[in-house]
Amino acid sequence: MHFESYIDPIRQCPLFDHIATEDLTQMLTCIGARVVSYAPKIYIRDEEDIIEDVGVILLGHIDMVSEDIYGHRTTLVRMGPRELFGESFALSDSKRSTVSFLSIEPCTVLYIPLQRVLHICSNSCPFHHRLIQNMFYTLSLKNQQLIEKSAIVSKPTLQDKIWTYLNLEAEHQQKTYFEIPLNRNELADYLCANRSALTRELKHMKEKGLIDFDKNTFHLIKERKQ
């Protein structure tokens, strides 16, 4: 596998922090990594698939989605460049996925065999220990994302969910004017809400002077009374 054409997006991934650029190709070859590109709207991993590799998104965005027996789809989290997916299942005993992963746009993924990462190779590569440290740090950040999603969708009303989501986005971006990464359909999906109900609630919050927005750009105007 030739990684040279992907070296820039690979180098930007936190998973490879503090690993010299000249060592990356050697390391990726040593652990048996591979790069795969996908068209948009493709299920790149299905529920019930056996997952043994950790995916690192180099280009594009991927949704982790769950579907009920009626085919209703819920977006659990949207992931973009430099983020991991599939690691929880690759670490489990069964390695069987309980969710699906859907490409939102043309995307490129670097796949890394997890067992090759967790076990020190016979070559005693000096950067292997750093890769393991980076892996666990990245996993902890991913866990925080899932905790945030749980905190949002557990709110009792749709307005509570919207307000919590927007406040978390404002905190992450450190500003009261900010752009969210989801369109209206995707946001409704993420909040486990109906698109029409979401539109009505956003309009209601705007009329109350809580928020202002133009498409995906939002402004938190004043604190909401509980």
Protein backbone atom coordinates (compact mmCIF):
# COMPACT_ATOMS: atom_id res chain seq x y z
CA MET A 1 0.00 0.00 0.00
CA HIS A 2 1.35 3.40 -1.01
CA PHE A 3 0.50 5.97 1.66
CA GLU A 4 2.47 8.90 0.25
CA SER A 5 -0.54 10.49 -1.51
CA TYR A 6 -2.46 10.48 1.81
CA ILE A 7 0.39 11.54 4.07
CA ASP A 8 -0.93 15.08 4.70
CA PRO A 9 -4.41 14.10 6.02
CA ILE A 10 -2.85 11.17 7.91
CA ARG A 11 -0.33 13.45 9.58
CA GLN A 12 -3.14 15.74 10.78
CA CYS A 13 -4.87 12.93 12.72
CA PRO A 14 -4.43 13.08 16.53
CA LEU A 15 -3.90 9.32 16.41
CA PHE A 16 -0.48 9.98 14.88
CA ASP A 17 0.59 12.92 17.06
CA HIS A 18 4.29 12.99 17.97
CA ILE A 19 5.14 10.41 15.31
CA ALA A 20 7.64 11.79 12.81
CA THR A 21 6.39 12.15 9.25
CA GLU A 22 9.25 10.03 7.96
CA ASP A 23 8.15 7.19 10.26
CA LEU A 24 4.50 7.18 9.24
CA THR A 25 4.83 5.11 6.07
CA GLN A 26 7.01 2.54 7.82
CA MET A 27 4.60 2.33 10.75
CA LEU A 28 1.47 1.99 8.59
CA THR A 29 3.11 -0.72 6.52
CA CYS A 30 4.28 -2.51 9.68
CA ILE A 31 0.78 -2.67 11.19
CA GLY A 32 -0.93 -3.63 7.92
CA ALA A 33 -2.98 -0.47 7.42
CA ARG A 34 -4.94 0.15 4.21
CA VAL A 35 -6.80 3.05 2.58
CA VAL A 36 -10.28 2.71 1.03
CA SER A 37 -12.37 5.37 -0.74
CA TYR A 38 -16.17 5.38 -0.83
CA ALA A 39 -18.92 7.05 -2.87
CA PRO A 40 -21.56 9.10 -1.00
CA LYS A 41 -24.58 7.46 0.66
CA ILE A 42 -22.87 4.08 1.01
CA TYR A 43 -23.19 1.84 4.06
CA ILE A 44 -19.52 1.15 4.60
CA ARG A 45 -20.23 -1.03 7.64
CA ASP A 46 -23.57 -2.66 8.40
CA GLU A 47 -25.15 -3.68 11.66
CA GLU A 48 -24.07 -7.24 12.53
CA ASP A 49 -20.81 -6.90 10.56
CA ILE A 50 -17.69 -8.25 12.25
CA ILE A 51 -15.31 -5.32 12.79
CA GLU A 52 -11.63 -5.92 13.44
CA ASP A 53 -10.17 -2.69 12.07
CA VAL A 54 -10.39 0.85 13.43
CA GLY A 55 -11.41 3.33 10.75
CA VAL A 56 -9.72 6.74 10.62
CA ILE A 57 -11.55 9.25 8.43
CA LEU A 58 -9.12 11.09 6.17
CA LEU A 59 -11.62 12.88 3.93
CA GLY A 60 -15.39 13.37 4.11
CA HIS A 61 -17.98 12.67 6.81
CA ILE A 62 -19.53 9.47 8.11
CA ASP A 63 -22.63 8.97 10.26
CA MET A 64 -22.98 6.29 12.90
CA VAL A 65 -26.63 5.30 12.57
CA SER A 66 -29.08 2.95 14.23
CA GLU A 67 -32.22 1.55 12.62
CA ASP A 68 -35.24 -0.01 14.31
CA ILE A 69 -37.22 -2.95 12.95
CA TYR A 70 -39.43 -0.55 10.97
CA GLY A 71 -36.46 1.01 9.17
CA HIS A 72 -36.52 4.29 11.10
CA ARG A 73 -32.98 5.63 11.17
CA THR A 74 -31.42 7.62 13.99
CA THR A 75 -28.08 9.39 13.66
CA LEU A 76 -26.06 8.73 16.79
CA VAL A 77 -23.06 10.85 15.88
CA ARG A 78 -21.52 12.48 12.81
CA MET A 79 -17.79 12.04 12.34
CA GLY A 80 -15.40 13.96 10.13
CA PRO A 81 -11.74 14.05 9.15
CA ARG A 82 -9.28 12.84 11.80
CA GLU A 83 -11.95 10.97 13.79
CA LEU A 84 -12.15 7.24 14.50
CA PHE A 85 -15.02 4.81 14.11
CA GLY A 86 -15.62 1.12 14.82
CA GLU A 87 -13.15 0.99 17.69
CA SER A 88 -15.70 -0.08 20.33
CA PHE A 89 -16.67 -3.15 18.33
CA ALA A 90 -13.11 -4.04 17.38
CA LEU A 91 -12.29 -4.05 21.12
CA SER A 92 -15.27 -6.24 22.09
CA ASP A 93 -15.23 -10.01 22.43
CA SER A 94 -17.75 -10.61 19.64
CA LYS A 95 -16.49 -7.80 17.36
CA ARG A 96 -20.06 -7.64 16.03
CA SER A 97 -21.36 -4.17 15.22
CA THR A 98 -24.68 -3.03 16.67
CA VAL A 99 -24.85 0.05 14.41
CA SER A 100 -24.18 0.96 10.79
CA PHE A 101 -21.78 3.51 9.31
CA LEU A 102 -22.96 5.62 6.38
CA SER A 103 -20.83 7.81 4.12
CA ILE A 104 -22.41 11.27 3.76
CA GLU A 105 -20.21 12.37 0.87
CA PRO A 106 -17.23 10.97 -1.02
CA CYS A 107 -14.88 9.90 1.74
CA THR A 108 -11.56 8.17 2.29
CA VAL A 109 -10.83 5.94 5.26
CA LEU A 110 -7.59 4.57 6.68
CA TYR A 111 -8.20 1.14 8.25
CA ILE A 112 -5.90 -0.05 11.01
CA PRO A 113 -5.99 -3.63 12.37
CA LEU A 114 -6.57 -3.02 16.09
CA GLN A 115 -4.80 -6.14 17.29
CA ARG A 116 -1.67 -5.09 15.40
CA VAL A 117 -1.77 -1.80 17.31
CA LEU A 118 -2.38 -3.24 20.77
CA HIS A 119 0.40 -5.81 20.55
CA ILE A 120 3.98 -4.60 20.26
CA CYS A 121 5.43 -5.80 16.97
CA SER A 122 8.51 -8.00 16.74
CA ASN A 123 10.41 -5.13 15.12
CA SER A 124 10.12 -3.09 18.34
CA CYS A 125 9.26 0.04 16.39
CA PRO A 126 10.07 3.08 18.58
CA PHE A 127 6.82 4.83 17.58
CA HIS A 128 4.56 1.90 18.49
CA HIS A 129 4.24 2.91 22.17
CA ARG A 130 3.26 6.43 21.11
CA LEU A 131 0.59 5.04 18.76
CA ILE A 132 -0.94 3.03 21.62
CA GLN A 133 -1.01 6.13 23.87
CA ASN A 134 -2.63 8.18 21.10
CA MET A 135 -5.20 5.46 20.49
CA PHE A 136 -6.44 5.45 24.09
CA TYR A 137 -6.47 9.25 24.25
CA THR A 138 -8.55 9.38 21.07
CA LEU A 139 -10.93 6.74 22.42
CA SER A 140 -11.53 8.84 25.53
CA LEU A 141 -12.49 11.85 23.38
CA LYS A 142 -14.89 9.67 21.39
CA ASN A 143 -16.50 8.49 24.61
CA GLN A 144 -17.08 12.12 25.61
CA GLN A 145 -18.96 12.69 22.33
CA LEU A 146 -21.30 9.80 23.07
CA ILE A 147 -21.87 11.09 26.60
CA GLU A 148 -22.83 14.48 25.15
CA LYS A 149 -25.28 12.85 22.74
CA SER A 150 -26.86 10.97 25.62
CA ALA A 151 -27.16 14.20 27.63
CA ILE A 152 -28.91 15.89 24.70
CA VAL A 153 -31.46 13.24 23.73
CA SER A 154 -32.36 12.47 27.35
CA LYS A 155 -33.84 15.97 27.78
CA PRO A 156 -37.64 15.90 28.29
CA THR A 157 -38.71 18.34 25.55
CA LEU A 158 -37.58 19.14 22.03
CA GLN A 159 -36.74 22.71 23.06
CA ASP A 160 -34.55 21.31 25.86
CA LYS A 161 -32.75 19.11 23.33
CA ILE A 162 -32.21 21.96 20.86
CA TRP A 163 -31.01 24.32 23.57
CA THR A 164 -28.59 21.78 25.02
CA TYR A 165 -27.21 20.91 21.57
CA LEU A 166 -26.70 24.56 20.59
CA ASN A 167 -25.08 25.43 23.92
CA LEU A 168 -22.64 22.53 23.61
CA GLU A 169 -21.76 23.65 20.07
CA ALA A 170 -21.23 27.21 21.32
CA GLU A 171 -18.96 25.93 24.11
CA HIS A 172 -16.93 23.80 21.71
CA GLN A 173 -16.47 26.68 19.26
CA GLN A 174 -16.00 29.28 22.04
CA LYS A 175 -18.42 31.79 20.53
CA THR A 176 -22.12 32.70 20.52
CA TYR A 177 -22.19 33.00 16.72
CA PHE A 178 -21.36 29.58 15.26
CA GLU A 179 -22.13 27.19 12.42
CA ILE A 180 -23.43 23.69 13.14
CA PRO A 181 -22.30 20.74 10.97
CA LEU A 182 -25.85 19.38 10.43
CA ASN A 183 -28.61 20.45 8.07
CA ARG A 184 -32.25 20.41 9.25
CA ASN A 185 -32.94 16.80 8.31
CA GLU A 186 -29.71 15.66 9.92
CA LEU A 187 -30.32 17.74 13.06
CA ALA A 188 -33.84 16.30 13.41
CA ASP A 189 -32.35 12.84 13.01
CA TYR A 190 -29.67 13.57 15.61
CA LEU A 191 -32.21 14.90 18.11
CA CYS A 192 -34.60 11.97 17.45
CA ALA A 193 -37.24 14.46 16.36
CA ASN A 194 -39.62 15.07 13.46
CA ARG A 195 -38.28 17.58 10.88
CA SER A 196 -41.50 19.64 10.95
CA ALA A 197 -41.55 19.72 14.74
CA LEU A 198 -37.92 20.85 14.77
CA THR A 199 -38.65 23.66 12.30
CA ARG A 200 -41.60 24.87 14.39
CA GLU A 201 -39.60 24.78 17.62
CA LEU A 202 -36.67 26.69 16.11
CA LYS A 203 -39.08 29.34 14.83
CA HIS A 204 -40.71 29.52 18.27
CA MET A 205 -37.33 29.95 19.99
CA LYS A 206 -36.43 32.69 17.51
CA GLU A 207 -39.71 34.51 18.16
CA LYS A 208 -39.04 34.35 21.91
CA GLY A 209 -35.67 36.02 21.34
CA LEU A 210 -33.65 33.04 22.57
CA ILE A 211 -31.80 32.42 19.33
CA ASP A 212 -31.35 33.73 15.83
CA PHE A 213 -30.27 31.71 12.82
CA ASP A 214 -29.69 31.76 9.09
CA LYS A 215 -29.51 28.26 7.65
CA ASN A 216 -26.75 26.53 9.66
CA THR A 217 -25.41 29.66 11.37
CA PHE A 218 -26.82 30.23 14.87
CA HIS A 219 -26.61 32.98 17.46
CA LEU A 220 -27.43 32.43 21.12
CA ILE A 221 -29.05 35.71 22.17
CA LYS A 222 -29.97 35.26 25.79
CA GLU A 223 -30.06 32.66 28.52
CA ARG A 224 -33.18 30.56 28.55
CA LYS A 225 -35.22 30.45 31.77
CA GLN A 226 -35.76 26.94 33.05
